[in-house]
Amino acid sequence: MIAALLVMTMLLIMGMAFLSQKSAQYEAVVKSGLANQARAIAQAGLVDFKLKVAKSRSFPPPRPKGQTLYSYTEDFSDIDGRPHGFYTITCDSKLDRTPYWLLQVTSEGVLGSRAEPRARFRIYGELDLSSTLRNAPSQPNPTYRQWILFRDGDLPDQSLIPNY
């Protein structure tokens, strides 16, 4: 009888350990799915920014002298028009000058509302604004107005353009 109780106790403990492990795995899967949705929203922000640059030579708008940051936020809806989240674009134009001609852009995608965000994801990119090759100014630049660097997260340790 005591042996049966010990066996049942061991089975109960093993079952509880198994269930708690599965619970943690399920939570990790859910968080991964939410992060992927926030990443997709951040990617949509980068696409939106690139389209705005392509459509207007005055985008991003002129800023006062010494100010290099420009930021905007737009809501993101699903295909049915229901709010799904939002993205915030931050553009740093400190390298939008000779010899670099780059815009450094960070897009933060947020899944959920501003009051109750469920997940966040940041993507950093550098948009090439040099119409000619930097090392051969008489040649057209094949990456003009294209993304030349992407990184998940915040600003990278170094740009493609060294020593700025």
N, C-alpha and C. Protein backbone atom coordinates (compact mmCIF):
# COMPACT_ATOMS: atom_id res chain seq x y z
N MET A 1 0.82 -1.18 0.00
CA MET A 1 0.00 0.00 0.00
C MET A 1 0.87 1.27 0.00
N ILE A 2 1.90 1.27 0.84
CA ILE A 2 2.80 2.43 0.90
C ILE A 2 3.56 2.55 -0.42
N ALA A 3 3.93 1.45 -1.01
CA ALA A 3 4.63 1.47 -2.30
C ALA A 3 3.74 2.08 -3.37
N ALA A 4 2.45 1.74 -3.34
CA ALA A 4 1.50 2.29 -4.33
C ALA A 4 1.37 3.80 -4.15
N LEU A 5 1.32 4.26 -2.89
CA LEU A 5 1.24 5.70 -2.65
C LEU A 5 2.50 6.42 -3.12
N LEU A 6 3.66 5.81 -2.89
CA LEU A 6 4.90 6.41 -3.36
C LEU A 6 4.94 6.49 -4.89
N VAL A 7 4.50 5.41 -5.54
CA VAL A 7 4.47 5.41 -7.01
C VAL A 7 3.51 6.48 -7.51
N MET A 8 2.34 6.60 -6.89
CA MET A 8 1.36 7.61 -7.31
C MET A 8 1.90 9.03 -7.08
N THR A 9 2.60 9.24 -5.97
CA THR A 9 3.18 10.54 -5.67
C THR A 9 4.25 10.89 -6.72
N MET A 10 5.08 9.91 -7.05
CA MET A 10 6.11 10.15 -8.07
C MET A 10 5.48 10.47 -9.42
N LEU A 11 4.43 9.73 -9.79
CA LEU A 11 3.75 9.99 -11.06
C LEU A 11 3.11 11.38 -11.06
N LEU A 12 2.53 11.77 -9.93
CA LEU A 12 1.93 13.10 -9.82
C LEU A 12 2.98 14.19 -9.98
N ILE A 13 4.12 14.03 -9.32
CA ILE A 13 5.20 15.01 -9.43
C ILE A 13 5.72 15.08 -10.85
N MET A 14 5.92 13.95 -11.48
CA MET A 14 6.41 13.93 -12.87
C MET A 14 5.39 14.56 -13.82
N GLY A 15 4.11 14.29 -13.58
CA GLY A 15 3.07 14.88 -14.41
C GLY A 15 3.01 16.38 -14.28
N MET A 16 3.13 16.88 -13.05
CA MET A 16 3.12 18.32 -12.84
C MET A 16 4.34 18.98 -13.47
N ALA A 17 5.50 18.35 -13.37
CA ALA A 17 6.70 18.90 -14.00
C ALA A 17 6.53 18.94 -15.52
N PHE A 18 5.96 17.89 -16.08
CA PHE A 18 5.73 17.84 -17.52
C PHE A 18 4.78 18.95 -17.96
N LEU A 19 3.70 19.14 -17.21
CA LEU A 19 2.72 20.18 -17.56
C LEU A 19 3.30 21.58 -17.42
N SER A 20 4.12 21.82 -16.40
CA SER A 20 4.71 23.16 -16.25
C SER A 20 5.70 23.43 -17.38
N GLN A 21 6.41 22.39 -17.82
CA GLN A 21 7.33 22.55 -18.95
C GLN A 21 6.55 22.88 -20.23
N LYS A 22 5.46 22.20 -20.45
CA LYS A 22 4.64 22.46 -21.63
C LYS A 22 4.04 23.86 -21.58
N SER A 23 3.68 24.32 -20.40
CA SER A 23 3.14 25.66 -20.25
C SER A 23 4.18 26.71 -20.65
N ALA A 24 5.42 26.53 -20.21
CA ALA A 24 6.48 27.47 -20.57
C ALA A 24 6.76 27.44 -22.07
N GLN A 25 6.71 26.26 -22.67
CA GLN A 25 6.92 26.15 -24.11
C GLN A 25 5.79 26.83 -24.87
N TYR A 26 4.57 26.65 -24.41
CA TYR A 26 3.43 27.29 -25.06
C TYR A 26 3.55 28.80 -24.98
N GLU A 27 3.93 29.32 -23.81
CA GLU A 27 4.10 30.76 -23.64
C GLU A 27 5.18 31.30 -24.58
N ALA A 28 6.27 30.56 -24.74
CA ALA A 28 7.35 30.98 -25.64
C ALA A 28 6.87 31.02 -27.08
N VAL A 29 6.06 30.05 -27.47
CA VAL A 29 5.53 30.02 -28.84
C VAL A 29 4.61 31.21 -29.07
N VAL A 30 3.77 31.51 -28.10
CA VAL A 30 2.85 32.65 -28.23
C VAL A 30 3.64 33.95 -28.35
N LYS A 31 4.65 34.15 -27.49
CA LYS A 31 5.47 35.36 -27.55
C LYS A 31 6.21 35.47 -28.88
N SER A 32 6.67 34.36 -29.40
CA SER A 32 7.35 34.37 -30.70
C SER A 32 6.39 34.80 -31.81
N GLY A 33 5.18 34.30 -31.76
CA GLY A 33 4.18 34.69 -32.76
C GLY A 33 3.85 36.17 -32.69
N LEU A 34 3.72 36.70 -31.47
CA LEU A 34 3.44 38.12 -31.30
C LEU A 34 4.61 38.97 -31.79
N ALA A 35 5.84 38.53 -31.49
CA ALA A 35 7.02 39.27 -31.96
C ALA A 35 7.09 39.27 -33.48
N ASN A 36 6.71 38.16 -34.12
CA ASN A 36 6.71 38.11 -35.58
C ASN A 36 5.69 39.08 -36.17
N GLN A 37 4.54 39.21 -35.51
CA GLN A 37 3.54 40.17 -35.99
C GLN A 37 4.05 41.60 -35.83
N ALA A 38 4.70 41.89 -34.70
CA ALA A 38 5.27 43.24 -34.49
C ALA A 38 6.38 43.51 -35.50
N ARG A 39 7.14 42.47 -35.84
CA ARG A 39 8.20 42.63 -36.85
C ARG A 39 7.60 42.97 -38.21
N ALA A 40 6.50 42.31 -38.56
CA ALA A 40 5.84 42.61 -39.83
C ALA A 40 5.33 44.05 -39.86
N ILE A 41 4.84 44.55 -38.74
CA ILE A 41 4.39 45.94 -38.67
C ILE A 41 5.58 46.88 -38.84
N ALA A 42 6.72 46.57 -38.22
CA ALA A 42 7.93 47.39 -38.38
C ALA A 42 8.39 47.38 -39.83
N GLN A 43 8.32 46.23 -40.49
CA GLN A 43 8.70 46.15 -41.90
C GLN A 43 7.77 47.01 -42.75
N ALA A 44 6.48 47.00 -42.43
CA ALA A 44 5.53 47.85 -43.16
C ALA A 44 5.89 49.32 -43.00
N GLY A 45 6.38 49.70 -41.83
CA GLY A 45 6.82 51.08 -41.61
C GLY A 45 7.98 51.45 -42.51
N LEU A 46 8.94 50.54 -42.68
CA LEU A 46 10.08 50.82 -43.57
C LEU A 46 9.62 50.94 -45.02
N VAL A 47 8.69 50.09 -45.42
CA VAL A 47 8.15 50.18 -46.80
C VAL A 47 7.45 51.53 -46.99
N ASP A 48 6.64 51.93 -46.00
CA ASP A 48 5.95 53.22 -46.07
C ASP A 48 6.94 54.36 -46.20
N PHE A 49 8.01 54.33 -45.39
CA PHE A 49 9.01 55.40 -45.44
C PHE A 49 9.67 55.46 -46.82
N LYS A 50 10.06 54.32 -47.36
CA LYS A 50 10.72 54.30 -48.66
C LYS A 50 9.79 54.82 -49.76
N LEU A 51 8.52 54.48 -49.69
CA LEU A 51 7.55 54.98 -50.68
C LEU A 51 7.40 56.50 -50.58
N LYS A 52 7.39 57.02 -49.37
CA LYS A 52 7.28 58.47 -49.20
C LYS A 52 8.51 59.19 -49.74
N VAL A 53 9.69 58.61 -49.54
CA VAL A 53 10.91 59.19 -50.09
C VAL A 53 10.87 59.15 -51.62
N ALA A 54 10.37 58.04 -52.18
CA ALA A 54 10.31 57.90 -53.64
C ALA A 54 9.31 58.87 -54.26
N LYS A 55 8.22 59.16 -53.56
CA LYS A 55 7.18 60.02 -54.11
C LYS A 55 7.49 61.50 -54.01
N SER A 56 8.29 61.89 -53.02
CA SER A 56 8.51 63.31 -52.80
C SER A 56 9.97 63.60 -52.49
N ARG A 57 10.54 64.53 -53.23
CA ARG A 57 11.92 64.93 -52.96
C ARG A 57 12.03 65.74 -51.67
N SER A 58 10.91 66.25 -51.18
CA SER A 58 10.94 67.05 -49.95
C SER A 58 10.60 66.20 -48.71
N PHE A 59 10.71 64.89 -48.85
CA PHE A 59 10.50 64.02 -47.70
C PHE A 59 11.81 63.34 -47.34
N PRO A 60 12.18 63.30 -46.10
CA PRO A 60 11.53 63.93 -44.95
C PRO A 60 11.59 65.45 -45.05
N PRO A 61 10.63 66.12 -44.44
CA PRO A 61 10.56 67.58 -44.58
C PRO A 61 11.79 68.27 -43.98
N PRO A 62 12.07 69.47 -44.46
CA PRO A 62 13.21 70.22 -43.93
C PRO A 62 13.05 70.46 -42.42
N ARG A 63 14.18 70.43 -41.73
CA ARG A 63 14.19 70.64 -40.29
C ARG A 63 15.03 71.87 -39.97
N PRO A 64 14.82 72.43 -38.79
CA PRO A 64 15.67 73.57 -38.40
C PRO A 64 17.13 73.17 -38.34
N LYS A 65 17.99 74.15 -38.52
CA LYS A 65 19.42 73.89 -38.51
C LYS A 65 19.84 73.21 -37.20
N GLY A 66 20.64 72.17 -37.32
CA GLY A 66 21.11 71.44 -36.16
C GLY A 66 20.22 70.29 -35.73
N GLN A 67 19.01 70.23 -36.25
CA GLN A 67 18.11 69.14 -35.91
C GLN A 67 18.16 68.10 -37.02
N THR A 68 18.54 66.88 -36.70
CA THR A 68 18.68 65.85 -37.73
C THR A 68 17.61 64.77 -37.62
N LEU A 69 16.84 64.75 -36.54
CA LEU A 69 15.85 63.69 -36.35
C LEU A 69 14.47 64.12 -36.83
N TYR A 70 13.79 63.20 -37.48
CA TYR A 70 12.41 63.39 -37.90
C TYR A 70 11.68 62.10 -37.53
N SER A 71 10.50 62.22 -36.94
CA SER A 71 9.78 61.05 -36.49
C SER A 71 8.30 61.20 -36.79
N TYR A 72 7.66 60.08 -37.10
CA TYR A 72 6.20 60.06 -37.26
C TYR A 72 5.68 58.69 -36.89
N THR A 73 4.40 58.65 -36.52
CA THR A 73 3.73 57.42 -36.14
C THR A 73 2.47 57.26 -36.97
N GLU A 74 2.23 56.05 -37.43
CA GLU A 74 1.01 55.77 -38.18
C GLU A 74 0.38 54.48 -37.66
N ASP A 75 -0.95 54.49 -37.64
CA ASP A 75 -1.68 53.30 -37.22
C ASP A 75 -1.62 52.24 -38.31
N PHE A 76 -1.70 51.00 -37.88
CA PHE A 76 -1.64 49.86 -38.80
C PHE A 76 -2.90 49.04 -38.58
N SER A 77 -3.66 48.84 -39.65
CA SER A 77 -4.91 48.09 -39.56
C SER A 77 -4.80 46.80 -40.36
N ASP A 78 -5.62 45.81 -39.97
CA ASP A 78 -5.63 44.57 -40.74
C ASP A 78 -6.47 44.76 -42.00
N ILE A 79 -6.63 43.72 -42.75
CA ILE A 79 -7.30 43.81 -44.05
C ILE A 79 -8.76 44.23 -43.92
N ASP A 80 -9.36 43.99 -42.76
CA ASP A 80 -10.75 44.38 -42.53
C ASP A 80 -10.90 45.78 -41.97
N GLY A 81 -9.77 46.48 -41.79
CA GLY A 81 -9.80 47.84 -41.27
C GLY A 81 -9.78 47.93 -39.76
N ARG A 82 -9.66 46.80 -39.07
CA ARG A 82 -9.59 46.83 -37.60
C ARG A 82 -8.18 47.22 -37.16
N PRO A 83 -8.07 48.07 -36.15
CA PRO A 83 -6.73 48.44 -35.66
C PRO A 83 -5.97 47.20 -35.20
N HIS A 84 -4.73 47.14 -35.60
CA HIS A 84 -3.90 45.98 -35.28
C HIS A 84 -2.66 46.39 -34.49
N GLY A 85 -2.24 47.64 -34.66
CA GLY A 85 -1.05 48.15 -34.00
C GLY A 85 -0.64 49.46 -34.65
N PHE A 86 0.61 49.80 -34.51
CA PHE A 86 1.12 51.03 -35.13
C PHE A 86 2.62 50.91 -35.28
N TYR A 87 3.18 51.78 -36.10
CA TYR A 87 4.64 51.84 -36.22
C TYR A 87 5.09 53.29 -36.06
N THR A 88 6.29 53.42 -35.52
CA THR A 88 6.91 54.73 -35.37
C THR A 88 8.21 54.72 -36.15
N ILE A 89 8.34 55.67 -37.06
CA ILE A 89 9.54 55.82 -37.86
C ILE A 89 10.36 56.96 -37.29
N THR A 90 11.65 56.72 -37.10
CA THR A 90 12.58 57.77 -36.70
C THR A 90 13.69 57.81 -37.73
N CYS A 91 13.84 58.96 -38.37
CA CYS A 91 14.84 59.14 -39.42
C CYS A 91 15.90 60.11 -38.93
N ASP A 92 17.14 59.69 -39.03
CA ASP A 92 18.27 60.55 -38.68
C ASP A 92 18.98 60.93 -39.97
N SER A 93 19.03 62.21 -40.26
CA SER A 93 19.61 62.69 -41.51
C SER A 93 21.01 63.27 -41.33
N LYS A 94 21.69 62.93 -40.23
CA LYS A 94 23.03 63.51 -40.02
C LYS A 94 24.02 63.08 -41.11
N LEU A 95 23.75 61.97 -41.82
CA LEU A 95 24.64 61.53 -42.90
C LEU A 95 24.08 61.86 -44.29
N ASP A 96 23.05 62.70 -44.33
CA ASP A 96 22.48 63.12 -45.61
C ASP A 96 23.28 64.31 -46.13
N ARG A 97 24.56 64.05 -46.40
CA ARG A 97 25.48 65.09 -46.86
C ARG A 97 26.68 64.40 -47.51
N THR A 98 27.49 65.20 -48.18
CA THR A 98 28.70 64.69 -48.80
C THR A 98 29.64 64.20 -47.71
N PRO A 99 30.29 63.11 -47.86
CA PRO A 99 30.32 62.15 -48.97
C PRO A 99 29.39 60.96 -48.76
N TYR A 100 28.53 61.00 -47.71
CA TYR A 100 27.76 59.81 -47.32
C TYR A 100 26.43 59.65 -48.07
N TRP A 101 25.57 60.62 -47.99
CA TRP A 101 24.24 60.60 -48.59
C TRP A 101 23.45 59.37 -48.15
N LEU A 102 23.25 59.27 -46.82
CA LEU A 102 22.48 58.17 -46.23
C LEU A 102 21.42 58.71 -45.28
N LEU A 103 20.30 58.03 -45.22
CA LEU A 103 19.32 58.26 -44.17
C LEU A 103 19.33 57.04 -43.27
N GLN A 104 19.49 57.27 -41.98
CA GLN A 104 19.46 56.18 -41.01
C GLN A 104 18.04 56.14 -40.43
N VAL A 105 17.38 55.00 -40.60
CA VAL A 105 15.96 54.90 -40.26
C VAL A 105 15.74 53.75 -39.29
N THR A 106 14.97 54.03 -38.23
CA THR A 106 14.56 52.99 -37.30
C THR A 106 13.04 52.92 -37.33
N SER A 107 12.52 51.71 -37.52
CA SER A 107 11.09 51.49 -37.50
C SER A 107 10.75 50.60 -36.31
N GLU A 108 9.87 51.08 -35.44
CA GLU A 108 9.42 50.27 -34.32
C GLU A 108 7.98 49.87 -34.56
N GLY A 109 7.75 48.58 -34.73
CA GLY A 109 6.40 48.06 -34.89
C GLY A 109 5.85 47.64 -33.54
N VAL A 110 4.62 48.05 -33.25
CA VAL A 110 3.98 47.69 -31.99
C VAL A 110 2.67 46.99 -32.30
N LEU A 111 2.53 45.80 -31.76
CA LEU A 111 1.29 45.04 -31.89
C LEU A 111 0.41 45.38 -30.70
N GLY A 112 -0.82 45.76 -30.97
CA GLY A 112 -1.74 46.13 -29.90
C GLY A 112 -1.95 47.63 -29.87
N SER A 113 -2.60 48.08 -28.83
CA SER A 113 -2.90 49.51 -28.71
C SER A 113 -1.77 50.24 -28.00
N ARG A 114 -1.84 51.58 -28.03
CA ARG A 114 -0.83 52.37 -27.32
C ARG A 114 -0.92 52.15 -25.82
N ALA A 115 -2.14 51.95 -25.34
CA ALA A 115 -2.34 51.75 -23.90
C ALA A 115 -1.92 50.34 -23.47
N GLU A 116 -2.10 49.36 -24.35
CA GLU A 116 -1.78 47.97 -24.00
C GLU A 116 -1.02 47.30 -25.13
N PRO A 117 0.24 47.64 -25.31
CA PRO A 117 1.02 46.96 -26.35
C PRO A 117 1.28 45.51 -25.97
N ARG A 118 1.17 44.62 -26.96
CA ARG A 118 1.38 43.19 -26.70
C ARG A 118 2.78 42.74 -27.10
N ALA A 119 3.38 43.43 -28.10
CA ALA A 119 4.73 43.09 -28.54
C ALA A 119 5.31 44.29 -29.28
N ARG A 120 6.65 44.41 -29.24
CA ARG A 120 7.38 45.47 -29.94
C ARG A 120 8.53 44.83 -30.70
N PHE A 121 8.87 45.46 -31.83
CA PHE A 121 10.02 44.98 -32.60
C PHE A 121 10.61 46.17 -33.35
N ARG A 122 11.94 46.30 -33.32
CA ARG A 122 12.62 47.40 -34.02
C ARG A 122 13.48 46.86 -35.15
N ILE A 123 13.48 47.62 -36.24
CA ILE A 123 14.35 47.32 -37.37
C ILE A 123 15.07 48.61 -37.75
N TYR A 124 16.36 48.50 -37.96
CA TYR A 124 17.18 49.64 -38.37
C TYR A 124 17.58 49.43 -39.83
N GLY A 125 17.53 50.50 -40.62
CA GLY A 125 17.95 50.42 -42.02
C GLY A 125 18.65 51.70 -42.45
N GLU A 126 19.48 51.57 -43.48
CA GLU A 126 20.14 52.73 -44.07
C GLU A 126 19.71 52.83 -45.53
N LEU A 127 19.17 53.99 -45.89
CA LEU A 127 18.68 54.24 -47.24
C LEU A 127 19.72 55.07 -47.99
N ASP A 128 20.15 54.56 -49.13
CA ASP A 128 21.19 55.20 -49.93
C ASP A 128 20.58 56.33 -50.76
N LEU A 129 21.07 57.55 -50.57
CA LEU A 129 20.59 58.70 -51.32
C LEU A 129 21.63 59.27 -52.28
N SER A 130 22.71 58.54 -52.49
CA SER A 130 23.74 59.01 -53.41
C SER A 130 23.37 58.55 -54.82
N SER A 131 23.15 59.52 -55.73
CA SER A 131 22.75 59.16 -57.09
C SER A 131 23.92 58.64 -57.92
N THR A 132 25.14 58.88 -57.46
CA THR A 132 26.32 58.36 -58.16
C THR A 132 27.15 57.51 -57.20
N LEU A 133 28.01 56.69 -57.77
CA LEU A 133 28.88 55.87 -56.93
C LEU A 133 29.82 56.77 -56.14
N ARG A 134 30.06 56.43 -54.90
CA ARG A 134 30.91 57.27 -54.05
C ARG A 134 32.36 57.24 -54.50
N ASN A 135 32.81 56.11 -55.03
CA ASN A 135 34.20 56.00 -55.46
C ASN A 135 34.38 56.28 -56.95
N ALA A 136 33.28 56.50 -57.68
CA ALA A 136 33.34 56.84 -59.11
C ALA A 136 32.16 57.77 -59.42
N PRO A 137 32.29 59.06 -59.12
CA PRO A 137 31.17 59.99 -59.24
C PRO A 137 30.56 60.12 -60.64
N SER A 138 31.25 59.65 -61.65
CA SER A 138 30.67 59.74 -62.99
C SER A 138 29.73 58.56 -63.29
N GLN A 139 29.71 57.57 -62.41
CA GLN A 139 28.89 56.37 -62.62
C GLN A 139 27.60 56.45 -61.79
N PRO A 140 26.47 56.03 -62.38
CA PRO A 140 25.23 56.02 -61.60
C PRO A 140 25.28 54.96 -60.50
N ASN A 141 24.63 55.23 -59.42
CA ASN A 141 24.61 54.32 -58.27
C ASN A 141 23.46 53.32 -58.42
N PRO A 142 23.75 52.02 -58.51
CA PRO A 142 22.67 51.03 -58.66
C PRO A 142 21.82 50.87 -57.40
N THR A 143 22.30 51.34 -56.26
CA THR A 143 21.52 51.22 -55.03
C THR A 143 20.87 52.55 -54.62
N TYR A 144 20.80 53.50 -55.56
CA TYR A 144 20.18 54.79 -55.28
C TYR A 144 18.73 54.60 -54.82
N ARG A 145 18.40 55.19 -53.67
CA ARG A 145 17.08 55.11 -53.05
C ARG A 145 16.69 53.67 -52.70
N GLN A 146 17.68 52.87 -52.37
CA GLN A 146 17.46 51.48 -51.95
C GLN A 146 18.00 51.30 -50.53
N TRP A 147 17.46 50.30 -49.84
CA TRP A 147 18.00 49.95 -48.52
C TRP A 147 19.32 49.22 -48.75
N ILE A 148 20.37 49.67 -48.06
CA ILE A 148 21.66 49.00 -48.22
C ILE A 148 22.08 48.28 -46.94
N LEU A 149 21.30 48.43 -45.87
CA LEU A 149 21.60 47.75 -44.63
C LEU A 149 20.32 47.57 -43.84
N PHE A 150 20.13 46.39 -43.30
CA PHE A 150 19.03 46.09 -42.37
C PHE A 150 19.60 45.42 -41.14
N ARG A 151 19.11 45.78 -40.00
CA ARG A 151 19.47 45.10 -38.75
C ARG A 151 18.24 45.07 -37.86
N ASP A 152 18.00 43.95 -37.25
CA ASP A 152 16.97 43.88 -36.23
C ASP A 152 17.49 44.54 -34.97
N GLY A 153 16.66 45.33 -34.34
CA GLY A 153 17.07 46.00 -33.11
C GLY A 153 17.39 47.46 -33.35
N ASP A 154 18.13 48.02 -32.41
CA ASP A 154 18.47 49.44 -32.49
C ASP A 154 19.63 49.69 -33.45
N LEU A 155 20.24 50.87 -33.31
CA LEU A 155 21.35 51.24 -34.17
C LEU A 155 22.45 50.19 -34.11
N PRO A 156 23.04 49.88 -35.25
CA PRO A 156 24.11 48.89 -35.25
C PRO A 156 25.39 49.46 -34.65
N ASP A 157 26.34 48.57 -34.41
CA ASP A 157 27.63 49.00 -33.88
C ASP A 157 28.36 49.88 -34.89
N GLN A 158 28.19 49.60 -36.17
CA GLN A 158 28.83 50.42 -37.17
C GLN A 158 28.00 50.43 -38.45
N SER A 159 28.09 51.51 -39.17
CA SER A 159 27.39 51.67 -40.43
C SER A 159 28.22 51.01 -41.53
N LEU A 160 27.64 50.92 -42.70
CA LEU A 160 28.41 50.49 -43.87
C LEU A 160 29.47 51.53 -44.21
N ILE A 161 29.18 52.78 -43.86
CA ILE A 161 30.10 53.88 -44.13
C ILE A 161 30.93 54.09 -42.86
N PRO A 162 32.22 53.77 -42.87
CA PRO A 162 33.04 53.89 -41.66
C PRO A 162 33.36 55.36 -41.32
N ASN A 163 33.72 55.56 -40.10
CA ASN A 163 34.25 56.84 -39.59
C ASN A 163 33.34 58.04 -39.82
N TYR A 164 32.11 57.94 -39.45
CA TYR A 164 31.25 59.11 -39.52
C TYR A 164 31.07 59.56 -38.13
